[in-house]
Protein backbone atom coordinates (compact mmCIF):
# COMPACT_ATOMS: atom_id res chain seq x y z
CA UNK A 1 0.00 0.00 0.00
CA UNK A 2 1.51 3.36 -1.04
CA UNK A 3 1.30 6.41 1.23
CA UNK A 4 -1.18 9.09 0.33
CA UNK A 5 0.22 12.48 -0.74
CA UNK A 6 -0.30 15.22 1.85
CA UNK A 7 -3.35 17.38 1.50
CA UNK A 8 -2.88 21.06 0.52
CA UNK A 9 -3.66 22.07 4.11
CA UNK A 10 -1.01 19.68 5.46
CA UNK A 11 1.58 20.95 2.95
CA UNK A 12 0.88 24.53 3.99
CA UNK A 13 1.15 23.64 7.67
CA UNK A 14 4.43 21.83 6.99
CA UNK A 15 5.82 24.86 5.18
CA UNK A 16 4.79 27.13 8.05
CA UNK A 17 6.53 24.89 10.56
CA UNK A 18 9.72 24.36 8.54
CA UNK A 19 10.60 27.78 7.11
CA UNK A 20 10.30 29.99 10.19
CA UNK A 21 12.92 27.86 11.92
CA UNK A 22 15.27 27.27 8.98
CA UNK A 23 15.58 30.72 7.47
CA UNK A 24 16.60 32.60 10.65
CA UNK A 25 19.16 29.91 11.51
CA UNK A 26 20.56 30.06 7.97
CA UNK A 27 20.80 33.86 8.21
CA UNK A 28 22.76 33.62 11.50
CA UNK A 29 25.09 30.94 10.12
CA UNK A 30 25.79 32.80 6.87
CA UNK A 31 26.26 36.12 8.66
CA UNK A 32 28.50 34.54 11.29
CA UNK A 33 30.71 32.96 8.65
CA UNK A 34 31.11 36.28 6.84
CA UNK A 35 31.78 38.24 10.04
CA UNK A 36 34.35 35.76 11.27
CA UNK A 37 36.10 35.75 7.88
CA UNK A 38 36.21 39.55 7.87
CA UNK A 39 37.70 39.67 11.38
CA UNK A 40 40.25 36.99 10.51
CA UNK A 41 41.29 38.91 7.39
CA UNK A 42 41.76 42.12 9.39
CA UNK A 43 43.78 40.47 12.15
CA UNK A 44 45.89 38.67 9.55
CA UNK A 45 46.56 41.92 7.68
CA UNK A 46 47.49 43.78 10.89
CA UNK A 47 48.71 41.25 13.49
CA UNK A 48 49.16 42.48 17.07
CA UNK A 49 52.62 43.79 17.91
CA UNK A 50 54.47 42.27 20.87
CA UNK A 51 55.10 45.59 22.64
CA UNK A 52 52.02 47.58 21.70
CA UNK A 53 48.32 47.56 22.38
CA UNK A 54 46.16 45.19 20.34
CA UNK A 55 44.63 48.06 18.36
CA UNK A 56 43.05 45.89 15.69
CA UNK A 57 40.87 44.03 18.20
CA UNK A 58 39.91 47.30 19.88
CA UNK A 59 38.93 48.84 16.51
CA UNK A 60 37.07 45.71 15.40
CA UNK A 61 35.03 45.64 18.61
CA UNK A 62 34.32 49.39 18.57
CA UNK A 63 33.32 49.40 14.90
CA UNK A 64 31.15 46.33 15.50
CA UNK A 65 29.44 48.07 18.43
CA UNK A 66 28.83 51.13 16.24
CA UNK A 67 27.38 49.00 13.45
CA UNK A 68 25.23 46.95 15.83
CA UNK A 69 23.92 50.07 17.54
CA UNK A 70 23.06 51.60 14.17
CA UNK A 71 21.32 48.43 12.98
CA UNK A 72 19.30 47.99 16.17
CA UNK A 73 18.43 51.69 16.34
CA UNK A 74 17.14 51.53 12.79
CA UNK A 75 15.28 48.23 13.20
CA UNK A 76 14.06 48.86 16.74
CA UNK A 77 11.40 51.38 15.81
CA UNK A 78 9.10 48.69 14.39
CA UNK A 79 8.05 45.17 15.48
CA UNK A 80 10.70 42.47 15.21
CA UNK A 81 9.04 40.40 12.48
CA UNK A 82 9.49 39.36 8.87
CA UNK A 83 12.43 40.81 7.00
CA UNK A 84 13.33 43.05 9.96
CA UNK A 85 13.81 39.95 12.10
CA UNK A 86 15.93 38.29 9.43
CA UNK A 87 18.08 41.41 9.13
CA UNK A 88 18.55 41.56 12.90
CA UNK A 89 19.48 37.90 13.08
CA UNK A 90 21.63 37.74 9.94
CA UNK A 91 23.44 41.05 10.32
CA UNK A 92 23.28 41.63 14.08
CA UNK A 93 23.61 38.18 15.63
CA UNK A 94 25.41 36.58 12.69
CA UNK A 95 27.66 39.05 10.88
CA UNK A 96 28.44 41.40 13.76
CA UNK A 97 28.51 38.59 16.32
CA UNK A 98 31.15 36.82 14.23
CA UNK A 99 33.01 40.05 13.50
CA UNK A 100 33.36 41.25 17.10
CA UNK A 101 35.37 39.20 19.56
CA UNK A 102 35.01 39.38 23.30
CA UNK A 103 37.12 36.27 23.80
CA UNK A 104 40.14 37.75 21.99
CA UNK A 105 39.74 40.99 23.95
CA UNK A 106 39.86 39.05 27.24
CA UNK A 107 42.75 36.85 26.10
CA UNK A 108 44.78 39.89 25.03
CA UNK A 109 44.07 41.65 28.34
CA UNK A 110 45.17 38.61 30.35
CA UNK A 111 48.24 38.14 28.14
CA UNK A 112 49.28 41.77 28.66
CA UNK A 113 48.86 41.44 32.43
CA UNK A 114 50.72 38.11 32.46
CA UNK A 115 53.62 39.65 30.52
CA UNK A 116 54.27 42.04 33.39
CA UNK A 117 52.27 44.90 31.92
CA UNK A 118 49.22 45.13 34.20
CA UNK A 119 48.88 48.89 33.71
CA UNK A 120 48.77 48.48 29.93
CA UNK A 121 46.26 45.64 30.33
CA UNK A 122 44.04 47.85 32.48
CA UNK A 123 44.24 50.77 30.02
CA UNK A 124 43.45 48.41 27.13
CA UNK A 125 40.47 46.86 28.94
CA UNK A 126 39.09 50.24 29.98
CA UNK A 127 39.61 51.73 26.50
CA UNK A 128 37.85 48.75 24.91
CA UNK A 129 34.84 48.96 27.21
CA UNK A 130 34.48 52.74 26.93
CA UNK A 131 34.97 52.71 23.14
CA UNK A 132 32.39 49.93 22.75
CA UNK A 133 29.84 51.68 24.94
CA UNK A 134 30.26 55.05 23.23
CA UNK A 135 30.23 53.50 19.76
CA UNK A 136 27.01 51.60 20.53
CA UNK A 137 25.36 54.77 21.90
CA UNK A 138 26.36 56.78 18.82
CA UNK A 139 25.16 53.94 16.59
CA UNK A 140 21.77 53.77 18.31
CA UNK A 141 21.35 57.51 17.84
CA UNK A 142 22.32 57.32 14.17
CA UNK A 143 20.04 54.35 13.57
CA UNK A 144 17.02 56.01 15.18
CA UNK A 145 17.63 59.25 13.27
CA UNK A 146 18.13 57.30 10.05
CA UNK A 147 14.84 55.46 10.55
CA UNK A 148 13.00 58.74 11.06
CA UNK A 149 14.53 60.13 7.86
CA UNK A 150 13.63 57.05 5.75
CA UNK A 151 10.82 57.94 3.31
CA UNK A 152 7.54 56.09 3.77
CA UNK A 153 5.64 54.41 0.96
CA UNK A 154 2.01 55.45 1.22
CA UNK A 155 -0.57 52.73 0.94
CA UNK A 156 1.99 49.90 0.74
CA UNK A 157 4.00 47.77 3.08
CA UNK A 158 7.66 48.70 3.04
CA UNK A 159 9.04 45.16 3.03
CA UNK A 160 6.21 43.14 1.51
CA UNK A 161 4.52 40.21 3.22
CA UNK A 162 5.96 38.98 6.48
CA UNK A 163 5.78 35.27 5.88
CA UNK A 164 8.93 34.38 7.87
CA UNK A 165 8.21 36.30 11.06
């Protein structure tokens, strides 16, 4: 006895259950791969110097905080659904999560302190935290202002149907 093909209602239900879970995960994975590759390329192009501060990591984390703040400021003015959700997950969680690196920041701070340079380690840690905080705050402001300045399409949805949200 051969199995019966699914009814149209069952196929629709299956599509609703499968796609909302797969597409956001795929966006995070793809974004994370790109962000990690970008960070690796930057640290390979400008490796940390033995006697200096790890400026590349500090700049990567600060620029990532600025970009994340801008993205969330821009997306945060509307509900987190549909394409907005995919953008937040793919670009914010994926790309910028892979690009920024808290673990390298901590490792570099501990390495500086362990090399007999605790004052430099403290300055580096403080500079990283302050730069990240300020960059995120500036980014949020820019994102919110950018969202307010974005022209509205009258009588239409801006992003089309929200079938993935």
